[in-house]
Structure formats: structure tokens, C-alpha cells
Protein backbone atom coordinates (compact mmCIF):
# COMPACT_ATOMS: atom_id res chain seq x y z
CA MET A 1 6.12 -12.16 22.10
CA ILE A 2 7.44 -8.72 22.97
CA HIS A 3 9.31 -7.57 19.86
CA ALA A 4 10.43 -4.18 21.15
CA ARG A 5 10.65 -2.12 24.33
CA PHE A 6 9.99 1.57 23.83
CA PRO A 7 10.73 4.04 26.63
CA GLY A 8 9.32 7.06 24.81
CA ARG A 9 5.83 8.31 24.13
CA LEU A 10 3.66 7.23 21.20
CA VAL A 11 1.21 9.65 19.61
CA MET A 12 -1.29 8.07 17.25
CA LEU A 13 -2.75 10.63 14.84
CA GLY A 14 -6.05 9.33 13.48
CA PHE A 15 -8.10 6.50 14.94
CA GLY A 16 -10.22 5.00 12.20
CA SER A 17 -10.32 1.31 11.32
CA ILE A 18 -6.53 0.97 11.15
CA GLY A 19 -5.86 2.87 14.36
CA GLN A 20 -8.43 0.85 16.26
CA GLY A 21 -7.09 -2.38 14.78
CA VAL A 22 -3.40 -1.70 15.44
CA LEU A 23 -3.77 -0.55 19.06
CA PRO A 24 -4.23 -4.07 20.50
CA LEU A 25 -1.26 -5.27 18.42
CA ILE A 26 0.96 -2.50 19.77
CA LEU A 27 -0.01 -3.30 23.35
CA ARG A 28 0.57 -7.01 22.70
CA HIS A 29 3.99 -6.81 21.04
CA ILE A 30 5.62 -3.56 22.20
CA ASP A 31 6.56 -2.97 25.82
CA ILE A 32 5.24 0.56 26.31
CA LYS A 33 3.34 2.17 29.16
CA ARG A 34 -0.32 2.79 28.35
CA GLU A 35 -0.11 6.22 29.92
CA ASP A 36 2.59 7.07 27.36
CA ILE A 37 0.17 6.57 24.44
CA THR A 38 -2.06 9.40 23.22
CA ILE A 39 -4.65 9.24 20.45
CA VAL A 40 -5.38 12.46 18.58
CA THR A 41 -8.27 12.23 16.17
CA ALA A 42 -10.69 14.46 14.32
CA GLU A 43 -13.86 12.63 15.41
CA GLU A 44 -15.45 10.80 18.32
CA ARG A 45 -15.44 7.44 16.51
CA GLY A 46 -13.24 5.01 18.41
CA ARG A 47 -13.50 6.59 21.84
CA GLU A 48 -14.95 3.40 23.32
CA VAL A 49 -12.05 1.35 21.92
CA ALA A 50 -9.51 3.74 23.45
CA ALA A 51 -11.36 3.54 26.77
CA GLU A 52 -11.32 -0.26 26.59
CA TYR A 53 -7.51 -0.16 26.67
CA GLY A 54 -7.16 2.84 28.98
CA ILE A 55 -5.62 5.13 26.36
CA ARG A 56 -5.86 8.94 26.45
CA PHE A 57 -8.20 10.17 23.69
CA VAL A 58 -8.05 13.73 22.32
CA VAL A 59 -10.59 14.95 19.77
CA GLU A 60 -9.08 17.72 17.67
CA ALA A 61 -8.51 17.79 13.93
CA ALA A 62 -4.96 18.43 12.72
CA THR A 63 -5.01 21.15 10.08
CA ARG A 64 -2.49 23.08 8.03
CA GLU A 65 -2.90 25.96 10.49
CA ASN A 66 -2.69 24.13 13.82
CA TYR A 67 -0.77 20.87 13.41
CA ARG A 68 2.48 22.21 14.91
CA ASP A 69 0.77 23.73 17.94
CA LEU A 70 -1.32 20.59 18.37
CA LEU A 71 1.45 17.99 18.14
CA THR A 72 4.61 19.67 19.39
CA PRO A 73 3.58 19.69 23.09
CA LEU A 74 2.85 15.97 22.86
CA LEU A 75 6.23 15.00 21.40
CA ARG A 76 9.79 15.16 22.69
CA ARG A 77 13.07 13.76 21.43
CA GLY A 78 12.92 9.98 20.93
CA ASP A 79 9.12 9.74 20.82
CA PHE A 80 7.06 8.20 17.99
CA LEU A 81 4.39 9.78 15.80
CA LEU A 82 2.23 7.10 14.18
CA ASN A 83 0.27 8.84 11.45
CA LEU A 84 -2.92 6.98 10.50
CA SER A 85 -4.90 10.07 9.56
CA VAL A 86 -6.43 11.33 6.33
CA ASP A 87 -6.29 14.87 4.95
CA VAL A 88 -3.10 15.69 6.88
CA SER A 89 0.10 16.26 4.92
CA SER A 90 2.55 13.42 5.48
CA VAL A 91 5.43 15.58 4.26
CA ALA A 92 4.62 18.32 6.77
CA LEU A 93 4.49 15.74 9.58
CA MET A 94 7.79 14.15 8.53
CA GLN A 95 9.45 17.56 8.49
CA LEU A 96 8.13 18.23 11.98
CA CYS A 97 9.41 14.87 13.23
CA GLN A 98 12.84 15.52 11.78
CA GLU A 99 12.95 18.86 13.60
CA LEU A 100 11.79 17.33 16.90
CA ASP A 101 13.96 14.19 16.54
CA VAL A 102 10.89 11.95 16.64
CA LEU A 103 10.32 8.60 14.91
CA TYR A 104 7.51 8.46 12.35
CA LEU A 105 5.45 6.03 10.25
CA ASP A 106 2.49 6.44 7.91
CA THR A 107 0.60 4.04 5.64
CA VAL A 108 0.21 6.40 2.70
CA ILE A 109 1.60 9.74 1.62
CA GLU A 110 -1.38 12.01 2.27
CA PRO A 111 -1.88 15.60 1.06
CA TRP A 112 -3.74 18.30 2.92
CA THR A 113 -7.54 18.26 2.60
CA GLY A 114 -8.66 18.34 -1.03
CA GLY A 115 -5.28 17.49 -2.46
CA TYR A 116 -6.51 14.38 -4.25
CA THR A 117 -9.14 16.25 -6.26
CA ASP A 118 -7.80 19.82 -6.44
CA THR A 119 -8.64 20.82 -10.02
CA SER A 120 -6.28 23.81 -9.80
CA LEU A 121 -3.52 21.21 -10.04
CA THR A 122 -2.72 19.17 -13.12
CA PRO A 123 -3.37 15.41 -12.97
CA SER A 124 0.40 14.94 -12.70
CA GLN A 125 0.62 17.34 -9.74
CA ARG A 126 -2.13 15.55 -7.81
CA SER A 127 -0.75 12.08 -8.54
CA ASN A 128 0.86 9.66 -6.10
CA TYR A 129 4.01 10.07 -8.17
CA ALA A 130 4.18 13.76 -7.23
CA MET A 131 3.39 13.05 -3.59
CA ARG A 132 6.09 10.40 -3.42
CA GLU A 133 8.61 12.77 -5.01
CA SER A 134 7.83 15.37 -2.33
CA ALA A 135 8.40 12.76 0.39
CA ILE A 136 11.66 11.31 -0.90
CA ALA A 137 12.95 14.86 -1.46
CA LEU A 138 13.35 14.94 2.33
CA ARG A 139 15.92 12.12 2.27
CA GLU A 140 19.07 14.16 1.88
CA ALA A 141 18.33 16.54 4.74
CA ALA A 142 17.14 13.64 6.92
CA GLN A 143 20.26 11.45 6.54
CA GLY A 144 21.30 10.14 9.94
CA GLY A 145 18.20 11.65 11.50
CA PRO A 146 15.26 9.92 13.17
CA THR A 147 13.67 7.18 11.11
CA SER A 148 10.61 8.18 9.11
CA VAL A 149 9.00 5.16 7.46
CA THR A 150 6.68 6.31 4.72
CA ALA A 151 3.89 4.28 3.09
CA HIS A 152 4.06 1.12 5.18
CA GLY A 153 0.68 -0.52 5.48
CA ALA A 154 -0.40 -3.62 3.56
CA ASN A 155 -0.13 -1.95 0.21
CA PRO A 156 1.91 0.07 0.01
CA GLY A 157 4.17 -1.64 2.52
CA LEU A 158 3.79 -5.35 3.14
CA VAL A 159 3.57 -6.14 -0.57
CA SER A 160 7.10 -4.84 -1.12
CA HIS A 161 8.34 -7.54 1.25
CA PHE A 162 6.20 -10.10 -0.57
CA VAL A 163 7.99 -9.15 -3.81
CA LYS A 164 11.42 -9.86 -2.35
CA GLN A 165 10.33 -13.22 -0.98
CA ALA A 166 8.68 -14.09 -4.30
CA LEU A 167 11.90 -13.29 -6.17
CA LEU A 168 13.86 -15.63 -3.90
CA ASP A 169 11.22 -18.35 -4.34
CA ILE A 170 11.37 -18.10 -8.12
CA ALA A 171 15.17 -18.19 -8.06
CA ARG A 172 15.07 -21.31 -5.89
CA ASP A 173 12.45 -23.06 -8.02
CA THR A 174 14.08 -22.29 -11.35
CA GLY A 175 17.57 -23.23 -10.19
CA ALA A 176 18.86 -19.71 -10.82
CA PRO A 177 22.28 -19.13 -9.21
CA ILE A 178 20.98 -16.34 -6.99
CA ALA A 179 21.49 -15.95 -3.26
CA ALA A 180 19.48 -13.75 -0.97
CA PRO A 181 21.19 -10.37 -0.60
CA PRO A 182 22.01 -9.32 2.96
CA PRO A 183 19.54 -6.94 4.68
CA ALA A 184 21.81 -3.98 4.03
CA ALA A 185 22.09 -4.70 0.28
CA ASP A 186 21.36 -1.75 -1.98
CA ARG A 187 18.60 -1.68 -4.53
CA ALA A 188 20.93 -2.55 -7.41
CA ALA A 189 21.43 -6.06 -5.98
CA TRP A 190 17.69 -6.69 -5.91
CA ALA A 191 17.17 -5.08 -9.33
CA ARG A 192 19.79 -7.43 -10.74
CA ILE A 193 17.88 -10.42 -9.36
CA ALA A 194 14.60 -9.27 -10.95
CA HIS A 195 16.40 -8.61 -14.23
CA ASP A 196 18.17 -11.94 -14.29
CA LEU A 197 14.95 -13.82 -13.53
CA GLY A 198 13.19 -12.05 -16.39
CA ILE A 199 10.48 -10.34 -14.36
CA LYS A 200 8.52 -8.08 -16.70
CA VAL A 201 5.41 -7.21 -14.70
CA ILE A 202 4.51 -7.02 -11.00
CA HIS A 203 0.87 -6.82 -10.01
CA ILE A 204 -0.44 -6.20 -6.54
CA ALA A 205 -3.24 -8.70 -7.19
CA GLU A 206 -5.98 -8.56 -4.56
CA ARG A 207 -9.46 -10.06 -4.32
CA ASP A 208 -11.67 -9.23 -1.34
CA THR A 209 -14.66 -11.59 -0.98
CA GLN A 210 -16.00 -10.40 2.38
CA VAL A 211 -19.79 -10.24 2.54
CA ALA A 212 -22.01 -8.45 5.07
CA ASP A 213 -25.36 -9.51 6.49
CA ARG A 214 -26.99 -6.51 4.80
CA PRO A 215 -26.39 -5.28 1.25
CA LYS A 216 -25.34 -1.86 0.12
CA LYS A 217 -28.27 0.50 -0.26
CA PRO A 218 -28.60 3.31 -2.83
CA GLY A 219 -26.71 6.44 -1.82
CA GLU A 220 -24.27 4.55 0.39
CA PHE A 221 -20.57 3.81 -0.12
CA VAL A 222 -19.64 0.54 1.55
CA ASN A 223 -16.09 -0.74 2.00
CA THR A 224 -13.96 -3.00 4.21
CA TRP A 225 -11.43 -0.22 4.82
CA SER A 226 -11.41 3.58 4.80
CA VAL A 227 -14.15 4.89 2.51
CA ASP A 228 -12.52 8.33 2.31
CA GLY A 229 -9.17 6.74 1.51
CA PHE A 230 -10.57 4.52 -1.24
CA VAL A 231 -12.56 7.31 -2.88
CA GLY A 232 -9.58 9.68 -2.71
CA GLU A 233 -7.28 7.17 -4.38
CA GLY A 234 -9.93 6.13 -6.88
CA CYS A 235 -10.41 9.72 -8.04
CA GLN A 236 -6.69 10.26 -8.63
CA PRO A 237 -5.27 9.44 -12.06
CA ALA A 238 -4.57 5.78 -12.73
CA GLU A 239 -0.80 5.32 -12.26
CA LEU A 240 1.64 2.55 -12.95
CA GLY A 241 5.37 1.93 -12.95
CA TRP A 242 6.38 1.71 -16.61
CA GLY A 243 8.66 -1.15 -17.64
CA THR A 244 11.42 -1.23 -20.20
CA HIS A 245 9.77 -4.14 -22.04
CA GLU A 246 6.73 -2.02 -22.95
CA LYS A 247 6.57 -1.25 -26.68
CA ALA A 248 4.28 1.77 -26.73
CA LEU A 249 2.85 4.32 -24.34
CA PRO A 250 -0.97 4.08 -24.04
CA ALA A 251 -2.89 6.66 -26.06
CA ASP A 252 -3.98 8.34 -22.83
CA GLY A 253 -0.66 7.76 -21.07
CA HIS A 254 1.65 10.58 -19.98
CA ARG A 255 5.05 10.92 -18.37
CA HIS A 256 5.45 13.37 -15.53
CA GLY A 257 8.43 15.36 -16.77
CA PHE A 258 10.12 15.49 -13.36
CA GLY A 259 11.46 13.14 -10.73
CA CYS A 260 12.64 9.55 -11.16
CA ASP A 261 10.64 8.96 -14.39
CA ALA A 262 9.80 5.40 -13.29
CA ALA A 263 6.04 5.74 -13.79
CA ILE A 264 3.33 7.08 -16.04
CA TYR A 265 -0.24 8.17 -15.46
CA LEU A 266 -3.39 7.78 -17.51
CA MET A 267 -5.74 10.68 -18.15
CA ARG A 268 -8.58 9.01 -16.28
CA PRO A 269 -9.44 8.05 -12.70
CA GLY A 270 -8.06 4.79 -11.36
CA ALA A 271 -11.55 3.70 -10.29
CA SER A 272 -12.64 3.77 -13.94
CA THR A 273 -9.63 1.81 -15.23
CA ARG A 274 -9.60 -1.98 -15.17
CA VAL A 275 -6.87 -4.54 -15.76
CA ARG A 276 -6.65 -8.31 -16.11
CA THR A 277 -4.92 -10.23 -13.35
CA TRP A 278 -4.94 -13.52 -11.42
CA THR A 279 -4.92 -14.89 -7.89
CA PRO A 280 -4.81 -18.59 -6.94
CA LEU A 281 -8.31 -18.85 -5.44
CA GLU A 282 -10.17 -16.40 -7.66
CA GLY A 283 -8.37 -17.28 -10.89
CA PRO A 284 -8.54 -14.65 -13.67
CA PHE A 285 -10.46 -11.46 -12.91
CA HIS A 286 -10.71 -7.79 -13.72
CA GLY A 287 -9.34 -5.40 -11.09
CA PHE A 288 -9.28 -1.63 -10.73
CA LEU A 289 -5.97 0.06 -11.51
CA ILE A 290 -6.09 2.21 -8.39
CA THR A 291 -3.05 4.43 -7.91
CA HIS A 292 -0.78 3.41 -5.05
CA ASN A 293 2.66 4.42 -3.87
CA GLU A 294 4.07 0.91 -4.37
CA SER A 295 3.33 1.01 -8.11
CA ILE A 296 5.92 3.74 -8.37
CA SER A 297 8.36 2.74 -5.62
CA LEU A 298 8.65 -0.85 -6.89
CA ALA A 299 9.35 0.27 -10.45
CA ASP A 300 11.90 2.77 -9.16
CA TYR A 301 13.54 0.36 -6.68
CA TYR A 302 13.96 -2.40 -9.29
CA THR A 303 15.41 -0.10 -11.94
CA LEU A 304 18.80 -1.25 -13.21
CA ARG A 305 21.15 1.26 -14.79
CA ASP A 306 24.37 0.92 -16.74
CA GLU A 307 27.63 2.67 -15.87
CA ALA A 308 26.48 5.77 -17.74
CA GLY A 309 23.32 5.92 -15.65
CA GLN A 310 21.01 4.85 -18.45
CA VAL A 311 18.05 2.64 -17.56
CA VAL A 312 18.54 -0.89 -18.92
CA TYR A 313 15.81 -2.65 -16.96
CA ARG A 314 12.63 -1.78 -15.12
CA PRO A 315 9.45 -3.81 -14.53
CA THR A 316 5.94 -2.55 -15.05
CA ALA A 317 4.21 -2.44 -11.66
CA HIS A 318 0.67 -1.58 -10.60
CA TYR A 319 -2.28 -2.41 -8.41
CA ALA A 320 -5.02 -4.73 -9.69
CA TYR A 321 -7.76 -4.57 -7.07
CA HIS A 322 -11.13 -6.26 -6.86
CA PRO A 323 -12.67 -4.98 -3.62
CA CYS A 324 -15.61 -6.63 -1.91
CA ASP A 325 -18.69 -6.81 -4.11
CA ASP A 326 -20.54 -4.06 -2.23
CA ALA A 327 -17.55 -1.77 -2.76
CA VAL A 328 -17.66 -2.52 -6.51
CA LEU A 329 -21.31 -1.45 -6.55
CA SER A 330 -20.34 1.63 -4.57
CA VAL A 331 -17.66 2.56 -7.12
CA HIS A 332 -20.13 2.03 -9.95
CA GLU A 333 -22.59 4.39 -8.28
CA LEU A 334 -19.82 6.90 -7.48
CA ALA A 335 -18.76 7.00 -11.14
CA GLY A 336 -22.37 7.48 -12.22
CA LYS A 337 -22.55 10.55 -10.00
CA ASN A 338 -19.43 11.94 -11.68
CA TRP A 339 -17.22 11.12 -8.70
CA GLU A 340 -19.32 12.95 -6.11
CA MET A 341 -19.27 10.97 -2.86
CA GLN A 342 -22.51 9.33 -1.74
CA PRO A 343 -24.24 11.01 1.23
CA GLU A 344 -23.79 7.93 3.43
CA LYS A 345 -20.67 5.87 4.23
CA ARG A 346 -20.39 2.49 5.93
CA LEU A 347 -17.23 0.69 7.00
CA MET A 348 -17.95 -3.04 7.07
CA THR A 349 -16.91 -4.54 10.41
CA ASP A 350 -19.18 -6.52 12.70
CA GLU A 351 -21.76 -7.12 9.94
CA ILE A 352 -19.30 -9.21 7.86
CA VAL A 353 -20.49 -12.83 7.88
CA ARG A 354 -18.02 -14.58 5.58
CA GLY A 355 -15.22 -14.13 3.08
CA MET A 356 -11.51 -13.38 2.94
CA ASP A 357 -8.96 -10.98 1.58
CA GLU A 358 -6.58 -12.67 -0.86
CA LEU A 359 -3.73 -10.14 -1.08
CA GLY A 360 -0.45 -10.82 -2.83
CA VAL A 361 1.97 -10.00 -5.60
CA LEU A 362 1.92 -11.56 -9.05
CA LEU A 363 5.31 -11.65 -10.75
CA MET A 364 5.15 -12.37 -14.49
CA GLY A 365 7.50 -13.04 -17.38
CA HIS A 366 9.98 -15.44 -15.76
CA ARG A 367 10.71 -19.04 -16.81
CA LYS A 368 7.74 -20.46 -14.94
CA GLY A 369 5.29 -17.87 -16.28
CA ALA A 370 3.52 -16.25 -13.34
CA TYR A 371 3.99 -16.59 -9.57
CA TRP A 372 1.64 -15.24 -6.88
CA TYR A 373 2.84 -14.89 -3.31
CA GLY A 374 0.77 -13.52 -0.50
CA SER A 375 -1.79 -13.80 2.27
CA ARG A 376 -5.18 -15.50 2.40
CA LEU A 377 -6.90 -14.27 5.53
CA THR A 378 -10.51 -15.10 6.36
CA ILE A 379 -12.81 -12.96 8.45
CA GLU A 380 -13.16 -15.79 10.97
CA GLU A 381 -9.41 -16.07 11.50
CA ALA A 382 -8.94 -12.30 11.64
CA ARG A 383 -11.49 -12.06 14.45
CA LYS A 384 -9.85 -14.85 16.38
CA LEU A 385 -6.41 -13.30 16.07
CA VAL A 386 -6.99 -9.64 17.00
CA PRO A 387 -10.05 -7.67 18.14
CA HIS A 388 -11.34 -4.66 16.20
CA ASN A 389 -10.16 -6.02 12.82
CA ASN A 390 -11.59 -7.54 9.68
CA ALA A 391 -9.57 -9.52 7.15
CA THR A 392 -8.58 -6.42 5.18
CA SER A 393 -7.65 -4.26 8.15
CA LEU A 394 -5.53 -6.93 9.86
CA GLN A 395 -3.27 -7.23 6.82
CA VAL A 396 -2.71 -3.49 7.18
CA THR A 397 -2.44 -3.26 10.94
CA VAL A 398 0.12 -6.03 11.33
CA ALA A 399 2.24 -4.35 8.63
CA VAL A 400 1.97 -1.09 10.58
CA LEU A 401 3.10 -2.95 13.71
CA ALA A 402 6.07 -4.48 11.88
CA GLY A 403 7.08 -1.10 10.45
CA VAL A 404 6.86 0.56 13.86
CA ILE A 405 9.01 -2.16 15.41
CA TRP A 406 11.58 -1.94 12.60
CA ALA A 407 11.79 1.84 13.10
CA MET A 408 12.31 1.37 16.83
CA GLU A 409 15.08 -1.13 16.10
CA ASN A 410 16.63 1.18 13.47
CA PRO A 411 16.04 4.68 14.86
CA ARG A 412 18.59 6.69 12.81
CA ARG A 413 17.77 5.80 9.20
CA GLY A 414 16.16 9.05 8.05
CA VAL A 415 13.40 8.79 5.45
CA VAL A 416 12.89 5.24 4.15
CA GLU A 417 10.35 3.38 2.03
CA ALA A 418 9.15 -0.19 2.46
CA ASP A 419 11.35 -1.46 -0.37
CA GLU A 420 14.46 -0.44 1.59
CA ILE A 421 13.55 -2.32 4.78
CA ASP A 422 14.69 -5.83 5.78
CA HIS A 423 11.87 -7.95 4.37
CA GLN A 424 12.72 -10.97 6.50
CA ARG A 425 12.29 -9.04 9.74
CA VAL A 426 8.95 -7.61 8.65
CA LEU A 427 7.60 -10.98 7.52
CA GLU A 428 8.80 -12.60 10.74
CA ILE A 429 6.62 -10.19 12.73
CA ALA A 430 3.65 -10.18 10.34
CA ARG A 431 3.35 -13.83 9.28
CA PRO A 432 1.44 -15.12 12.37
CA TYR A 433 -1.37 -12.68 11.51
CA LEU A 434 -1.62 -13.24 7.76
CA GLY A 435 -3.60 -16.47 7.69
CA GLU A 436 -2.38 -18.83 4.98
CA VAL A 437 0.79 -17.42 3.40
CA VAL A 438 1.30 -19.20 0.09
CA GLY A 439 3.11 -19.12 -3.22
CA ALA A 440 1.49 -20.48 -6.37
CA TYR A 441 2.65 -20.76 -9.98
CA SER A 442 0.29 -20.36 -12.91
CA ASP A 443 0.30 -20.66 -16.69
CA TRP A 444 -2.21 -17.81 -16.87
CA THR A 445 -1.49 -14.92 -19.21
CA PRO A 446 -3.72 -11.97 -20.13
CA LEU A 447 -4.17 -13.63 -23.55
CA GLN A 448 -6.01 -16.62 -22.08
CA ASP A 449 -9.41 -17.19 -23.77
CA ARG A 450 -9.20 -13.84 -25.54
CA ALA A 451 -10.84 -13.02 -28.91
CA ARG A 452 -13.24 -15.93 -28.46
CA LEU A 453 -16.52 -14.03 -28.77
CA PHE A 454 -15.25 -10.92 -30.56
CA PRO A 455 -12.03 -10.02 -32.38
CA GLU A 456 -9.42 -8.10 -30.39
CA THR A 457 -6.17 -6.37 -31.18
CA LEU A 458 -3.60 -8.33 -29.19
CA ASP A 459 0.16 -8.53 -28.99
CA THR A 460 0.63 -12.29 -29.19
CA GLU A 461 4.43 -12.02 -29.33
CA ASP A 462 4.63 -10.68 -25.78
CA PRO A 463 1.67 -11.48 -23.53
CA TRP A 464 3.01 -9.21 -20.78
CA GLN A 465 2.44 -5.97 -22.64
CA PHE A 466 0.23 -3.52 -20.77
CA SER A 467 -1.91 -3.27 -23.90
CA ASN A 468 -2.87 -6.91 -23.32
CA ILE A 469 -3.43 -6.46 -19.59
CA ARG A 470 -5.61 -3.36 -19.76
CA VAL A 471 -9.34 -3.89 -20.21
CA ALA A 472 -10.48 -1.77 -23.16
């Protein structure tokens, strides 16, 4: 199905696993001339994929010094810049696109090279919270301008649409008198739904079980998606949206002192912080509390205020990620080297022999306890559906496709986040590529089977306290 016809030019900045995986989807679902697509990337990797589809391939790194001179000649009014790069400032690119009247989408708010680990900055200043604040600060000046969709991959991105569908499912199944808000509804309408349903915590609960035909070796970081991206995020402070039901700030928890105040950070890397969570197939498990934009945007979007502007409701929201087993070993080795990257990197693609990515959202605290809604995509199905993808990348690339199409259909929306986009339209485009899309209720709580072998300090009055969820 052709979802959109685009008469302009498309410049794809970066051509790693996501760029290579989304290109066949773009050509399949968007009516665009191949000669109007240009790939600009910092390395040779992917040249053969571009050649397979007859796409122009330019090898030149975008830097703080040259990005305007590099990109401006390739873009004119009405074109599209699809930013899938690392180490290139998303805010700088969005500003450029606003000036040139060009559509834009990225999957994460990136800083310039070194921004994730710049020790001249405070942990707060190098957090995703700070990066998001710098992006949404562009909103006022961009009103009515070309659409810039920021942070719209699988997560952040697709999971925000999962949350809305999960809320509607819970309302339906509990008999709550709640109707789906129209696509143009403001955030207060959705926040009221989450409040009325009693949602206290939202996890992005993900378990990747993909296995390769060769194991990780010492000195190698192995992952099913961008190694640089994972390590960069993992070395940032652990961050989470901080709910109004929480009784006490963690001992190592800090507020930022600026911005929307919807989130906190911990004085430790996300890749060294673990939390308890649940998915239907895996059951209970420990995941890494890796910082992600959606942890902050969800908490902010679902904030409910009274007439005086005071916060009366906000859920706690954060990522709970168990990557593939080789990636867990890689993180363990990385931490042992005091967060110095291994000398070798390997992105798992053709060597994957089995497994799936179980990616969804876990909404907790409502009348039925916990509800997980999301995608179960196996490596076998991913390969059948779209070339140059594994199960993890396809969940990202189809979300990128859906975000690009939405931007083309809504070209004058300025700067927008995933939470503000019509979730039904995105899921309509993405669902055929997500494998089994399911919702499942559970009576699991983070108190289950606790204090059995050793005594623990637990809050038994409210199982959904972060103090119960965090792994000490």
C-alpha cells in the first residue's frame, strides 16, 4: 500500500542499521522517485545496500563546523531531512530545517560528539531531560512551520502510541466510562484518562531473546542495534519520570532545577541500574533503567494540573530493558572497564539464528493490576517481512516510516513529540510489521516472591513505589 506521495527530495543523514532497514520500507510505502533520495553518512558501511536500491550515496561526516554547508545544498523548501545519525546535534538540525522550510524526523535527540559523556557538564546537563528541554524550546518559534518530529523510533516513539492504546483497552475492560479522545485532543484529555484509571507506573518493558550463531568474545561489544547508541545512553545518568504517588526521592535521586520538572535522575549510569518488571512471555525479570526520551515525555504528557497550575497527577515512567544475552555480557564487561568502550563492536544481523524482541508498555496500578501491550516479533518473521532488518531494528524502522508518513500528511505542525501524534494512524501503518501485537493482564507486582531468602525493606502498602521496583 502506498501511504503517501512525496514530490520533494529526501535526505537521509546516517545509514547504519536503522537507515538500511528503513530504506526498503520507504520505497515500498511512499511514492517518491529514487533519484530524489540521497544518503549522507560518515562511513562506507551500507554502500552496497544503497547500490542495491539505486540510491545516491555520499560519504562525509556531518560536524558542528560543516553541517550547514553539507546539507543546505541538498535541501530546498518542502524537502525532508530524515536524521538517523549519531553524534550530530538534533537541535541544530531542527533549527536548520525550520530555516529552510524542510520536514524533519529523528529517532532520538542527539548531542554533538561527546555530549553523552562530557565531564565538563553536570550529570543533569548531559541528561536526556536537558536534551529534550533544548528540543522543545524550539516549539514556540516553530509554530505553524514545517513539521519536525523528534524522538520517533520504537522507543522513544512507537511506545507512546502503545500507551494510548493500552489506556483505551483498560478502560474498555474495566467498564470505565471513557471514550477515545479525538486525534486533535490535547494532553489534558489523555492525562485525565490515565488519572481516572489509576495508572501509577508506566514501564517500557522489553526483553530481547535473539541469539547469534557465535558468542560474544572478550573485548567485543555485541548488540542487536546501534552499539554506539546503546553505550552512549547507558553511560548517561539513569532517568525516570517521577510520579505523584511516590513517597520519597531515592537517596541518589536529584531533580533538575529547570524545565518541566517531570523527571528525576540518579547519580549513576543507567547501564548500572536495574529494575523489576514483567512481560507476558518472559514473566518477571530485571531490566536496565536506561535513560530514554519517552521516560520524560510520557510523565510530562500525562501530567494533570489544577486550575492554579499545580500538579495533581503524574505517573512514574521509565525504561526497563533486558537486551539480548550477549549485550548483557557486553554491558557487564563495559562496566568492568569503567565505561571505556571495548576495542571491537559487532552489530548482530545475519548471524542471528533464533529469538524475538518482546517490546511493549506495562501500565500498573489500575483495577486489574498490570497490563502489558506491545509487539512480539521473531527474527524469522522480521526477515520475511523486510530485508536488512532483525527483530529489534524492524520495530524501529516501521515506526520511523510511520512518523515520516504522518509528517508528510501533517506538514505544518512545527516541533512535535510522539505523544502528540495520532496514535491510531501510526499503529495502522506499523501493525503489519510488528508480528504478534497483544495485550495481557497480570497479577504480578514487584513484591512477588520477595524477602523469601533474605529480609528486605519493602513498602507493602503500595507495591508500585519505585523503592520496590528498583533492584538494590
